[in-house]
Every structure is written in C-alpha cells, then in structure tokens.
Amino acid sequence: MEGVRRATLVALVTGCVHLARPMDGILYERTLPHGPAVRIRRLTIAGETPVSVVLEVDRRAGTPRSGDGHPPALMQFEGATEQDAVDALEPHARDDRRVVQLMREKGLR
C-alpha cells in the first residue's frame, strides 16, 4: 500500500500520471489548468504488438459525464512497445500550446 500512496503523491506533485498496467488502456494522463484531461490511450489489447495509441483531450473530465465514450483522437501513433508509443506522444501531451493547436486543427476548439 505504501507504493500506491507514494505514486499518488508523485502524481499530485508533478500533475501527471503514468499508469504501468491500466485497466482501461490509459498510459498517460494529466489535467489541463482549466479542467480537461489530456490522455494517451492504448487502442490495441494489452500485450499485443505493434501498439497503437492516440492522444486525446477529454473535455468532460471531472464531470458526471466523464468516461462516457472516447473523445476524438488528436494524434495517432503505432510503436513496437507501449513505452515507445508514450515516448513519441508525451512531449505533445505535456505542451499546453501544442494541445490547443491540435484541438484547433481538428475543429474541437
């Protein structure tokens, strides 16, 4: 239980969460200052290769409708491993300006 508490504290301090073996396919998640959640979500089944992932913004995060369906993908990537996929999309997910730019390009903002 100590490891879970420590991981939660690290997530709260850094503002992001890396989930090693998530149940719902979310490999990375962080909350934007105005509320929405930026996520890197696995599309393929755990253990399957190559690994397909998407970068998405859940504007319903923190609301009662959070978790209903999946938001449209802002970017897609296919890599040999989950870590390769996260490494490719994480710089975009960490950059607020890039996230807003991608949302505008997709007509979501």
PDB file of N, CA and C in Angstrom:
ATOM      1  N   MET A   1       0.813  -1.196   0.000  1.00  0.00           N
ATOM      2  CA  MET A   1       0.000   0.000   0.000  1.00  0.00           C
ATOM      3  C   MET A   1       0.859   1.263   0.000  1.00  0.00           C
ATOM      4  N   GLU A   2       2.051   1.172   0.581  1.00  0.00           N
ATOM      5  CA  GLU A   2       2.942   2.324   0.636  1.00  0.00           C
ATOM      6  C   GLU A   2       3.296   2.809  -0.767  1.00  0.00           C
ATOM      7  N   GLY A   3       3.544   1.867  -1.711  1.00  0.00           N
ATOM      8  CA  GLY A   3       3.874   2.231  -3.082  1.00  0.00           C
ATOM      9  C   GLY A   3       2.746   2.975  -3.771  1.00  0.00           C
ATOM     10  N   VAL A   4       1.506   2.601  -3.482  1.00  0.00           N
ATOM     11  CA  VAL A   4       0.347   3.281  -4.074  1.00  0.00           C
ATOM     12  C   VAL A   4       0.273   4.704  -3.560  1.00  0.00           C
ATOM     13  N   ARG A   5       0.473   4.885  -2.273  1.00  0.00           N
ATOM     14  CA  ARG A   5       0.444   6.243  -1.713  1.00  0.00           C
ATOM     15  C   ARG A   5       1.550   7.101  -2.308  1.00  0.00           C
ATOM     16  N   ARG A   6       2.737   6.531  -2.429  1.00  0.00           N
ATOM     17  CA  ARG A   6       3.857   7.283  -2.989  1.00  0.00           C
ATOM     18  C   ARG A   6       3.567   7.661  -4.439  1.00  0.00           C
ATOM     19  N   ALA A   7       3.033   6.738  -5.235  1.00  0.00           N
ATOM     20  CA  ALA A   7       2.705   7.019  -6.631  1.00  0.00           C
ATOM     21  C   ALA A   7       1.640   8.099  -6.726  1.00  0.00           C
ATOM     22  N   THR A   8       0.670   8.066  -5.826  1.00  0.00           N
ATOM     23  CA  THR A   8      -0.370   9.093  -5.823  1.00  0.00           C
ATOM     24  C   THR A   8       0.223  10.448  -5.493  1.00  0.00           C
ATOM     25  N   LEU A   9       1.123  10.499  -4.520  1.00  0.00           N
ATOM     26  CA  LEU A   9       1.766  11.754  -4.143  1.00  0.00           C
ATOM     27  C   LEU A   9       2.588  12.298  -5.296  1.00  0.00           C
ATOM     28  N   VAL A  10       3.350  11.436  -5.965  1.00  0.00           N
ATOM     29  CA  VAL A  10       4.147  11.875  -7.109  1.00  0.00           C
ATOM     30  C   VAL A  10       3.237  12.423  -8.202  1.00  0.00           C
ATOM     31  N   ALA A  11       2.126  11.763  -8.457  1.00  0.00           N
ATOM     32  CA  ALA A  11       1.179  12.225  -9.477  1.00  0.00           C
ATOM     33  C   ALA A  11       0.613  13.587  -9.110  1.00  0.00           C
ATOM     34  N   LEU A  12       0.297  13.801  -7.846  1.00  0.00           N
ATOM     35  CA  LEU A  12      -0.246  15.084  -7.421  1.00  0.00           C
ATOM     36  C   LEU A  12       0.791  16.192  -7.543  1.00  0.00           C
ATOM     37  N   VAL A  13       2.036  15.900  -7.210  1.00  0.00           N
ATOM     38  CA  VAL A  13       3.093  16.906  -7.261  1.00  0.00           C
ATOM     39  C   VAL A  13       3.462  17.259  -8.693  1.00  0.00           C
ATOM     40  N   THR A  14       3.574  16.251  -9.566  1.00  0.00           N
ATOM     41  CA  THR A  14       4.004  16.508 -10.937  1.00  0.00           C
ATOM     42  C   THR A  14       2.855  16.902 -11.860  1.00  0.00           C
ATOM     43  N   GLY A  15       1.627  16.616 -11.471  1.00  0.00           N
ATOM     44  CA  GLY A  15       0.483  16.969 -12.309  1.00  0.00           C
ATOM     45  C   GLY A  15       0.227  15.996 -13.429  1.00  0.00           C
ATOM     46  N   CYS A  16       0.889  14.854 -13.416  1.00  0.00           N
ATOM     47  CA  CYS A  16       0.646  13.850 -14.449  1.00  0.00           C
ATOM     48  C   CYS A  16       0.677  12.475 -13.833  1.00  0.00           C
ATOM     49  N   VAL A  17       0.137  11.525 -14.563  1.00  0.00           N
ATOM     50  CA  VAL A  17       0.078  10.154 -14.077  1.00  0.00           C
ATOM     51  C   VAL A  17       0.560   9.231 -15.189  1.00  0.00           C
ATOM     52  N   HIS A  18       1.526   8.379 -14.864  1.00  0.00           N
ATOM     53  CA  HIS A  18       1.926   7.304 -15.770  1.00  0.00           C
ATOM     54  C   HIS A  18       1.379   6.031 -15.171  1.00  0.00           C
ATOM     55  N   LEU A  19       0.580   5.331 -15.913  1.00  0.00           N
ATOM     56  CA  LEU A  19      -0.013   4.099 -15.416  1.00  0.00           C
ATOM     57  C   LEU A  19       0.641   2.925 -16.130  1.00  0.00           C
ATOM     58  N   ALA A  20       1.306   2.060 -15.377  1.00  0.00           N
ATOM     59  CA  ALA A  20       2.047   0.964 -15.985  1.00  0.00           C
ATOM     60  C   ALA A  20       1.112  -0.095 -16.583  1.00  0.00           C
ATOM     61  N   ARG A  21       0.074  -0.509 -15.866  1.00  0.00           N
ATOM     62  CA  ARG A  21      -0.842  -1.535 -16.349  1.00  0.00           C
ATOM     63  C   ARG A  21      -2.279  -1.104 -16.077  1.00  0.00           C
ATOM     64  N   PRO A  22      -2.754  -0.121 -16.828  1.00  0.00           N
ATOM     65  CA  PRO A  22      -4.104   0.364 -16.586  1.00  0.00           C
ATOM     66  C   PRO A  22      -5.162  -0.614 -17.084  1.00  0.00           C
ATOM     67  N   MET A  23      -6.318  -0.577 -16.452  1.00  0.00           N
ATOM     68  CA  MET A  23      -7.410  -1.451 -16.847  1.00  0.00           C
ATOM     69  C   MET A  23      -8.100  -0.939 -18.111  1.00  0.00           C
ATOM     70  N   ASP A  24      -8.117   0.358 -18.318  1.00  0.00           N
ATOM     71  CA  ASP A  24      -8.870   0.922 -19.436  1.00  0.00           C
ATOM     72  C   ASP A  24      -7.987   1.387 -20.594  1.00  0.00           C
ATOM     73  N   GLY A  25      -6.704   1.069 -20.584  1.00  0.00           N
ATOM     74  CA  GLY A  25      -5.832   1.416 -21.691  1.00  0.00           C
ATOM     75  C   GLY A  25      -5.209   2.788 -21.614  1.00  0.00           C
ATOM     76  N   ILE A  26      -5.394   3.532 -20.551  1.00  0.00           N
ATOM     77  CA  ILE A  26      -4.790   4.862 -20.431  1.00  0.00           C
ATOM     78  C   ILE A  26      -3.353   4.700 -19.965  1.00  0.00           C
ATOM     79  N   LEU A  27      -2.410   5.167 -20.794  1.00  0.00           N
ATOM     80  CA  LEU A  27      -0.988   5.029 -20.498  1.00  0.00           C
ATOM     81  C   LEU A  27      -0.418   6.294 -19.867  1.00  0.00           C
ATOM     82  N   TYR A  28      -1.054   7.432 -20.118  1.00  0.00           N
ATOM     83  CA  TYR A  28      -0.594   8.721 -19.593  1.00  0.00           C
ATOM     84  C   TYR A  28      -1.814   9.612 -19.434  1.00  0.00           C
ATOM     85  N   GLU A  29      -1.835  10.400 -18.379  1.00  0.00           N
ATOM     86  CA  GLU A  29      -2.938  11.342 -18.190  1.00  0.00           C
ATOM     87  C   GLU A  29      -2.463  12.518 -17.352  1.00  0.00           C
ATOM     88  N   ARG A  30      -2.900  13.689 -17.738  1.00  0.00           N
ATOM     89  CA  ARG A  30      -2.670  14.886 -16.925  1.00  0.00           C
ATOM     90  C   ARG A  30      -3.847  15.822 -17.115  1.00  0.00           C
ATOM     91  N   THR A  31      -4.043  16.697 -16.163  1.00  0.00           N
ATOM     92  CA  THR A  31      -5.162  17.624 -16.215  1.00  0.00           C
ATOM     93  C   THR A  31      -4.670  18.997 -16.632  1.00  0.00           C
ATOM     94  N   LEU A  32      -5.346  19.602 -17.599  1.00  0.00           N
ATOM     95  CA  LEU A  32      -5.022  20.962 -18.014  1.00  0.00           C
ATOM     96  C   LEU A  32      -5.479  21.937 -16.931  1.00  0.00           C
ATOM     97  N   PRO A  33      -4.887  23.127 -16.894  1.00  0.00           N
ATOM     98  CA  PRO A  33      -5.249  24.101 -15.851  1.00  0.00           C
ATOM     99  C   PRO A  33      -6.745  24.444 -15.809  1.00  0.00           C
ATOM    100  N   HIS A  34      -7.426  24.394 -16.942  1.00  0.00           N
ATOM    101  CA  HIS A  34      -8.851  24.752 -16.976  1.00  0.00           C
ATOM    102  C   HIS A  34      -9.783  23.544 -16.883  1.00  0.00           C
ATOM    103  N   GLY A  35      -9.235  22.332 -16.587  1.00  0.00           N
ATOM    104  CA  GLY A  35     -10.101  21.198 -16.285  1.00  0.00           C
ATOM    105  C   GLY A  35     -10.025  19.962 -17.151  1.00  0.00           C
ATOM    106  N   PRO A  36      -9.936  20.074 -18.489  1.00  0.00           N
ATOM    107  CA  PRO A  36      -9.919  18.863 -19.312  1.00  0.00           C
ATOM    108  C   PRO A  36      -8.693  17.990 -19.041  1.00  0.00           C
ATOM    109  N   ALA A  37      -8.810  16.712 -19.351  1.00  0.00           N
ATOM    110  CA  ALA A  37      -7.714  15.767 -19.170  1.00  0.00           C
ATOM    111  C   ALA A  37      -7.097  15.422 -20.519  1.00  0.00           C
ATOM    112  N   VAL A  38      -5.773  15.478 -20.594  1.00  0.00           N
ATOM    113  CA  VAL A  38      -5.021  15.061 -21.776  1.00  0.00           C
ATOM    114  C   VAL A  38      -4.587  13.629 -21.516  1.00  0.00           C
ATOM    115  N   ARG A  39      -4.851  12.737 -22.477  1.00  0.00           N
ATOM    116  CA  ARG A  39      -4.552  11.322 -22.275  1.00  0.00           C
ATOM    117  C   ARG A  39      -3.851  10.725 -23.482  1.00  0.00           C
ATOM    118  N   ILE A  40      -3.018   9.733 -23.194  1.00  0.00           N
ATOM    119  CA  ILE A  40      -2.507   8.838 -24.218  1.00  0.00           C
ATOM    120  C   ILE A  40      -3.161   7.498 -23.909  1.00  0.00           C
ATOM    121  N   ARG A  41      -3.963   7.018 -24.856  1.00  0.00           N
ATOM    122  CA  ARG A  41      -4.753   5.807 -24.627  1.00  0.00           C
ATOM    123  C   ARG A  41      -4.378   4.727 -25.638  1.00  0.00           C
ATOM    124  N   ARG A  42      -4.179   3.534 -25.140  1.00  0.00           N
ATOM    125  CA  ARG A  42      -3.855   2.386 -25.981  1.00  0.00           C
ATOM    126  C   ARG A  42      -5.124   1.889 -26.679  1.00  0.00           C
ATOM    127  N   LEU A  43      -5.016   1.619 -27.985  1.00  0.00           N
ATOM    128  CA  LEU A  43      -6.142   1.092 -28.754  1.00  0.00           C
ATOM    129  C   LEU A  43      -6.066  -0.427 -28.886  1.00  0.00           C
ATOM    130  N   THR A  44      -4.854  -0.957 -28.868  1.00  0.00           N
ATOM    131  CA  THR A  44      -4.676  -2.399 -29.017  1.00  0.00           C
ATOM    132  C   THR A  44      -4.811  -3.099 -27.669  1.00  0.00           C
ATOM    133  N   ILE A  45      -5.022  -4.390 -27.712  1.00  0.00           N
ATOM    134  CA  ILE A  45      -5.147  -5.196 -26.494  1.00  0.00           C
ATOM    135  C   ILE A  45      -3.789  -5.253 -25.806  1.00  0.00           C
ATOM    136  N   ALA A  46      -3.792  -5.238 -24.484  1.00  0.00           N
ATOM    137  CA  ALA A  46      -2.549  -5.295 -23.706  1.00  0.00           C
ATOM    138  C   ALA A  46      -1.729  -6.514 -24.118  1.00  0.00           C
ATOM    139  N   GLY A  47      -0.446  -6.275 -24.379  1.00  0.00           N
ATOM    140  CA  GLY A  47       0.447  -7.350 -24.776  1.00  0.00           C
ATOM    141  C   GLY A  47       0.554  -7.552 -26.269  1.00  0.00           C
ATOM    142  N   GLU A  48      -0.366  -6.990 -27.030  1.00  0.00           N
ATOM    143  CA  GLU A  48      -0.365  -7.123 -28.490  1.00  0.00           C
ATOM    144  C   GLU A  48       0.651  -6.150 -29.079  1.00  0.00           C
ATOM    145  N   THR A  49       1.343  -6.590 -30.131  1.00  0.00           N
ATOM    146  CA  THR A  49       2.272  -5.699 -30.823  1.00  0.00           C
ATOM    147  C   THR A  49       1.940  -5.690 -32.303  1.00  0.00           C
ATOM    148  N   PRO A  50       2.159  -4.627 -33.032  1.00  0.00           N
ATOM    149  CA  PRO A  50       2.594  -3.323 -32.530  1.00  0.00           C
ATOM    150  C   PRO A  50       1.496  -2.661 -31.692  1.00  0.00           C
ATOM    151  N   VAL A  51       1.899  -1.666 -30.913  1.00  0.00           N
ATOM    152  CA  VAL A  51       0.988  -0.970 -30.013  1.00  0.00           C
ATOM    153  C   VAL A  51       0.476   0.297 -30.698  1.00  0.00           C
ATOM    154  N   SER A  52      -0.829   0.429 -30.817  1.00  0.00           N
ATOM    155  CA  SER A  52      -1.450   1.630 -31.382  1.00  0.00           C
ATOM    156  C   SER A  52      -2.006   2.472 -30.244  1.00  0.00           C
ATOM    157  N   VAL A  53      -1.690   3.772 -30.269  1.00  0.00           N
ATOM    158  CA  VAL A  53      -2.161   4.685 -29.225  1.00  0.00           C
ATOM    159  C   VAL A  53      -2.674   5.974 -29.858  1.00  0.00           C
ATOM    160  N   VAL A  54      -3.477   6.702 -29.100  1.00  0.00           N
ATOM    161  CA  VAL A  54      -3.965   8.009 -29.537  1.00  0.00           C
ATOM    162  C   VAL A  54      -3.743   9.023 -28.428  1.00  0.00           C
ATOM    163  N   LEU A  55      -3.572  10.261 -28.836  1.00  0.00           N
ATOM    164  CA  LEU A  55      -3.548  11.398 -27.923  1.00  0.00           C
ATOM    165  C   LEU A  55      -4.926  12.026 -28.006  1.00  0.00           C
ATOM    166  N   GLU A  56      -5.565  12.232 -26.856  1.00  0.00           N
ATOM    167  CA  GLU A  56      -6.918  12.784 -26.846  1.00  0.00           C
ATOM    168  C   GLU A  56      -7.080  13.734 -25.672  1.00  0.00           C
ATOM    169  N   VAL A  57      -8.090  14.605 -25.767  1.00  0.00           N
ATOM    170  CA  VAL A  57      -8.434  15.521 -24.679  1.00  0.00           C
ATOM    171  C   VAL A  57      -9.880  15.258 -24.293  1.00  0.00           C
ATOM    172  N   ASP A  58     -10.066  14.872 -23.035  1.00  0.00           N
ATOM    173  CA  ASP A  58     -11.412  14.634 -22.514  1.00  0.00           C
ATOM    174  C   ASP A  58     -11.890  15.904 -21.840  1.00  0.00           C
ATOM    175  N   ARG A  59     -12.729  16.665 -22.552  1.00  0.00           N
ATOM    176  CA  ARG A  59     -13.234  17.927 -22.006  1.00  0.00           C
ATOM    177  C   ARG A  59     -14.278  17.710 -20.927  1.00  0.00           C
ATOM    178  N   ARG A  60     -14.755  16.463 -20.765  1.00  0.00           N
ATOM    179  CA  ARG A  60     -15.745  16.152 -19.726  1.00  0.00           C
ATOM    180  C   ARG A  60     -15.093  15.669 -18.431  1.00  0.00           C
ATOM    181  N   ALA A  61     -13.780  15.626 -18.375  1.00  0.00           N
ATOM    182  CA  ALA A  61     -13.081  15.131 -17.185  1.00  0.00           C
ATOM    183  C   ALA A  61     -13.540  15.911 -15.953  1.00  0.00           C
ATOM    184  N   GLY A  62     -13.804  15.190 -14.887  1.00  0.00           N
ATOM    185  CA  GLY A  62     -14.224  15.817 -13.641  1.00  0.00           C
ATOM    186  C   GLY A  62     -15.709  16.132 -13.573  1.00  0.00           C
ATOM    187  N   THR A  63     -16.460  15.738 -14.596  1.00  0.00           N
ATOM    188  CA  THR A  63     -17.906  15.966 -14.607  1.00  0.00           C
ATOM    189  C   THR A  63     -18.614  14.615 -14.485  1.00  0.00           C
ATOM    190  N   PRO A  64     -19.902  14.638 -14.229  1.00  0.00           N
ATOM    191  CA  PRO A  64     -20.638  13.361 -14.154  1.00  0.00           C
ATOM    192  C   PRO A  64     -20.586  12.548 -15.453  1.00  0.00           C
ATOM    193  N   ARG A  65     -20.403  13.209 -16.585  1.00  0.00           N
ATOM    194  CA  ARG A  65     -20.362  12.505 -17.880  1.00  0.00           C
ATOM    195  C   ARG A  65     -18.964  12.016 -18.246  1.00  0.00           C
ATOM    196  N   SER A  66     -17.993  12.250 -17.385  1.00  0.00           N
ATOM    197  CA  SER A  66     -16.632  11.803 -17.642  1.00  0.00           C
ATOM    198  C   SER A  66     -16.602  10.294 -17.830  1.00  0.00           C
ATOM    199  N   GLY A  67     -15.867   9.841 -18.830  1.00  0.00           N
ATOM    200  CA  GLY A  67     -15.753   8.403 -19.065  1.00  0.00           C
ATOM    201  C   GLY A  67     -16.776   7.840 -20.026  1.00  0.00           C
ATOM    202  N   ASP A  68     -17.750   8.649 -20.471  1.00  0.00           N
ATOM    203  CA  ASP A  68     -18.741   8.189 -21.449  1.00  0.00           C
ATOM    204  C   ASP A  68     -18.136   8.291 -22.846  1.00  0.00           C
ATOM    205  N   GLY A  69     -17.831   7.152 -23.436  1.00  0.00           N
ATOM    206  CA  GLY A  69     -17.265   7.149 -24.779  1.00  0.00           C
ATOM    207  C   GLY A  69     -15.820   7.612 -24.786  1.00  0.00           C
ATOM    208  N   HIS A  70     -15.306   7.872 -25.993  1.00  0.00           N
ATOM    209  CA  HIS A  70     -13.930   8.334 -26.142  1.00  0.00           C
ATOM    210  C   HIS A  70     -13.922   9.590 -26.992  1.00  0.00           C
ATOM    211  N   PRO A  71     -13.164  10.603 -26.581  1.00  0.00           N
ATOM    212  CA  PRO A  71     -13.062  11.824 -27.393  1.00  0.00           C
ATOM    213  C   PRO A  71     -12.326  11.539 -28.703  1.00  0.00           C
ATOM    214  N   PRO A  72     -12.459  12.434 -29.671  1.00  0.00           N
ATOM    215  CA  PRO A  72     -11.759  12.233 -30.938  1.00  0.00           C
ATOM    216  C   PRO A  72     -10.236  12.300 -30.737  1.00  0.00           C
ATOM    217  N   ALA A  73      -9.511  11.528 -31.529  1.00  0.00           N
ATOM    218  CA  ALA A  73      -8.052  11.499 -31.438  1.00  0.00           C
ATOM    219  C   ALA A  73      -7.456  12.763 -32.044  1.00  0.00           C
ATOM    220  N   LEU A  74      -6.487  13.337 -31.340  1.00  0.00           N
ATOM    221  CA  LEU A  74      -5.748  14.480 -31.870  1.00  0.00           C
ATOM    222  C   LEU A  74      -4.535  14.007 -32.664  1.00  0.00           C
ATOM    223  N   MET A  75      -3.926  12.922 -32.207  1.00  0.00           N
ATOM    224  CA  MET A  75      -2.781  12.309 -32.885  1.00  0.00           C
ATOM    225  C   MET A  75      -2.861  10.800 -32.696  1.00  0.00           C
ATOM    226  N   GLN A  76      -2.255  10.064 -33.628  1.00  0.00           N
ATOM    227  CA  GLN A  76      -2.178   8.614 -33.509  1.00  0.00           C
ATOM    228  C   GLN A  76      -0.732   8.193 -33.707  1.00  0.00           C
ATOM    229  N   PHE A  77      -0.365   7.075 -33.073  1.00  0.00           N
ATOM    230  CA  PHE A  77       0.996   6.552 -33.218  1.00  0.00           C
ATOM    231  C   PHE A  77       0.951   5.043 -33.073  1.00  0.00           C
ATOM    232  N   GLU A  78       1.825   4.377 -33.811  1.00  0.00           N
ATOM    233  CA  GLU A  78       1.962   2.931 -33.699  1.00  0.00           C
ATOM    234  C   GLU A  78       3.437   2.629 -33.452  1.00  0.00           C
ATOM    235  N   GLY A  79       3.728   1.939 -32.350  1.00  0.00           N
ATOM    236  CA  GLY A  79       5.104   1.629 -31.988  1.00  0.00           C
ATOM    237  C   GLY A  79       5.267   0.186 -31.578  1.00  0.00           C
ATOM    238  N   ALA A  80       6.511  -0.217 -31.400  1.00  0.00           N
ATOM    239  CA  ALA A  80       6.822  -1.598 -31.032  1.00  0.00           C
ATOM    240  C   ALA A  80       6.387  -1.929 -29.612  1.00  0.00           C
ATOM    241  N   THR A  81       6.487  -0.948 -28.708  1.00  0.00           N
ATOM    242  CA  THR A  81       6.116  -1.167 -27.306  1.00  0.00           C
ATOM    243  C   THR A  81       5.283   0.001 -26.804  1.00  0.00           C
ATOM    244  N   GLU A  82       4.631  -0.198 -25.640  1.00  0.00           N
ATOM    245  CA  GLU A  82       3.876   0.889 -25.017  1.00  0.00           C
ATOM    246  C   GLU A  82       4.790   2.061 -24.697  1.00  0.00           C
ATOM    247  N   GLN A  83       5.997   1.759 -24.216  1.00  0.00           N
ATOM    248  CA  GLN A  83       6.921   2.834 -23.858  1.00  0.00           C
ATOM    249  C   GLN A  83       7.316   3.656 -25.083  1.00  0.00           C
ATOM    250  N   ASP A  84       7.544   3.005 -26.230  1.00  0.00           N
ATOM    251  CA  ASP A  84       7.849   3.733 -27.469  1.00  0.00           C
ATOM    252  C   ASP A  84       6.712   4.676 -27.827  1.00  0.00           C
ATOM    253  N   ALA A  85       5.497   4.192 -27.680  1.00  0.00           N
ATOM    254  CA  ALA A  85       4.320   4.996 -28.016  1.00  0.00           C
ATOM    255  C   ALA A  85       4.180   6.193 -27.079  1.00  0.00           C
ATOM    256  N   VAL A  86       4.352   5.953 -25.782  1.00  0.00           N
ATOM    257  CA  VAL A  86       4.270   7.054 -24.815  1.00  0.00           C
ATOM    258  C   VAL A  86       5.387   8.061 -25.069  1.00  0.00           C
ATOM    259  N   ASP A  87       6.598   7.573 -25.328  1.00  0.00           N
ATOM    260  CA  ASP A  87       7.730   8.465 -25.599  1.00  0.00           C
ATOM    261  C   ASP A  87       7.476   9.350 -26.820  1.00  0.00           C
ATOM    262  N   ALA A  88       6.779   8.824 -27.821  1.00  0.00           N
ATOM    263  CA  ALA A  88       6.506   9.593 -29.038  1.00  0.00           C
ATOM    264  C   ALA A  88       5.449  10.675 -28.822  1.00  0.00           C
ATOM    265  N   LEU A  89       4.428  10.381 -28.035  1.00  0.00           N
ATOM    266  CA  LEU A  89       3.319  11.330 -27.878  1.00  0.00           C
ATOM    267  C   LEU A  89       3.405  12.194 -26.619  1.00  0.00           C
ATOM    268  N   GLU A  90       4.170  11.780 -25.628  1.00  0.00           N
ATOM    269  CA  GLU A  90       4.220  12.527 -24.374  1.00  0.00           C
ATOM    270  C   GLU A  90       4.682  13.980 -24.520  1.00  0.00           C
ATOM    271  N   PRO A  91       5.688  14.283 -25.352  1.00  0.00           N
ATOM    272  CA  PRO A  91       6.065  15.701 -25.498  1.00  0.00           C
ATOM    273  C   PRO A  91       4.894  16.572 -25.967  1.00  0.00           C
ATOM    274  N   HIS A  92       4.049  16.034 -26.835  1.00  0.00           N
ATOM    275  CA  HIS A  92       2.872  16.771 -27.308  1.00  0.00           C
ATOM    276  C   HIS A  92       1.841  16.894 -26.189  1.00  0.00           C
ATOM    277  N   ALA A  93       1.680  15.834 -25.404  1.00  0.00           N
ATOM    278  CA  ALA A  93       0.700  15.827 -24.316  1.00  0.00           C
ATOM    279  C   ALA A  93       1.095  16.782 -23.195  1.00  0.00           C
ATOM    280  N   ARG A  94       2.373  17.009 -22.991  1.00  0.00           N
ATOM    281  CA  ARG A  94       2.853  17.896 -21.915  1.00  0.00           C
ATOM    282  C   ARG A  94       2.790  19.376 -22.291  1.00  0.00           C
ATOM    283  N   ASP A  95       2.705  19.689 -23.567  1.00  0.00           N
ATOM    284  CA  ASP A  95       2.761  21.068 -24.050  1.00  0.00           C
ATOM    285  C   ASP A  95       1.342  21.620 -24.258  1.00  0.00           C
ATOM    286  N   ASP A  96       0.902  22.489 -23.349  1.00  0.00           N
ATOM    287  CA  ASP A  96      -0.450  23.061 -23.436  1.00  0.00           C
ATOM    288  C   ASP A  96      -0.690  23.749 -24.776  1.00  0.00           C
ATOM    289  N   ARG A  97       0.306  24.493 -25.248  1.00  0.00           N
ATOM    290  CA  ARG A  97       0.142  25.217 -26.502  1.00  0.00           C
ATOM    291  C   ARG A  97      -0.054  24.252 -27.676  1.00  0.00           C
ATOM    292  N   ARG A  98       0.691  23.162 -27.675  1.00  0.00           N
ATOM    293  CA  ARG A  98       0.559  22.164 -28.743  1.00  0.00           C
ATOM    294  C   ARG A  98      -0.803  21.475 -28.693  1.00  0.00           C
ATOM    295  N   VAL A  99      -1.288  21.193 -27.483  1.00  0.00           N
ATOM    296  CA  VAL A  99      -2.609  20.567 -27.336  1.00  0.00           C
ATOM    297  C   VAL A  99      -3.690  21.478 -27.912  1.00  0.00           C
ATOM    298  N   VAL A 100      -3.629  22.765 -27.588  1.00  0.00           N
ATOM    299  CA  VAL A 100      -4.614  23.718 -28.104  1.00  0.00           C
ATOM    300  C   VAL A 100      -4.520  23.805 -29.627  1.00  0.00           C
ATOM    301  N   GLN A 101      -3.298  23.809 -30.156  1.00  0.00           N
ATOM    302  CA  GLN A 101      -3.105  23.858 -31.608  1.00  0.00           C
ATOM    303  C   GLN A 101      -3.725  22.628 -32.283  1.00  0.00           C
ATOM    304  N   LEU A 102      -3.501  21.452 -31.721  1.00  0.00           N
ATOM    305  CA  LEU A 102      -4.077  20.234 -32.284  1.00  0.00           C
ATOM    306  C   LEU A 102      -5.609  20.261 -32.218  1.00  0.00           C
ATOM    307  N   MET A 103      -6.159  20.772 -31.120  1.00  0.00           N
ATOM    308  CA  MET A 103      -7.615  20.867 -30.996  1.00  0.00           C
ATOM    309  C   MET A 103      -8.184  21.804 -32.053  1.00  0.00           C
ATOM    310  N   ARG A 104      -7.519  22.916 -32.300  1.00  0.00           N
ATOM    311  CA  ARG A 104      -7.985  23.846 -33.349  1.00  0.00           C
ATOM    312  C   ARG A 104      -7.917  23.211 -34.731  1.00  0.00           C
ATOM    313  N   GLU A 105      -6.821  22.493 -35.002  1.00  0.00           N
ATOM    314  CA  GLU A 105      -6.665  21.826 -36.297  1.00  0.00           C
ATOM    315  C   GLU A 105      -7.776  20.807 -36.540  1.00  0.00           C
ATOM    316  N   LYS A 106      -8.241  20.150 -35.484  1.00  0.00           N
ATOM    317  CA  LYS A 106      -9.306  19.153 -35.596  1.00  0.00           C
ATOM    318  C   LYS A 106     -10.703  19.763 -35.468  1.00  0.00           C
ATOM    319  N   GLY A 107     -10.769  21.089 -35.286  1.00  0.00           N
ATOM    320  CA  GLY A 107     -12.069  21.751 -35.171  1.00  0.00           C
ATOM    321  C   GLY A 107     -12.759  21.526 -33.856  1.00  0.00           C
ATOM    322  N   LEU A 108     -11.991  21.269 -32.800  1.00  0.00           N
ATOM    323  CA  LEU A 108     -12.569  20.980 -31.492  1.00  0.00           C
ATOM    324  C   LEU A 108     -12.534  22.169 -30.555  1.00  0.00           C
ATOM    325  N   ARG A 109     -11.991  23.271 -31.000  1.00  0.00           N
ATOM    326  CA  ARG A 109     -11.894  24.439 -30.147  1.00  0.00           C
ATOM    327  C   ARG A 109     -12.098  25.691 -30.939  1.00  0.00           C
TER     328      ARG A 109
END
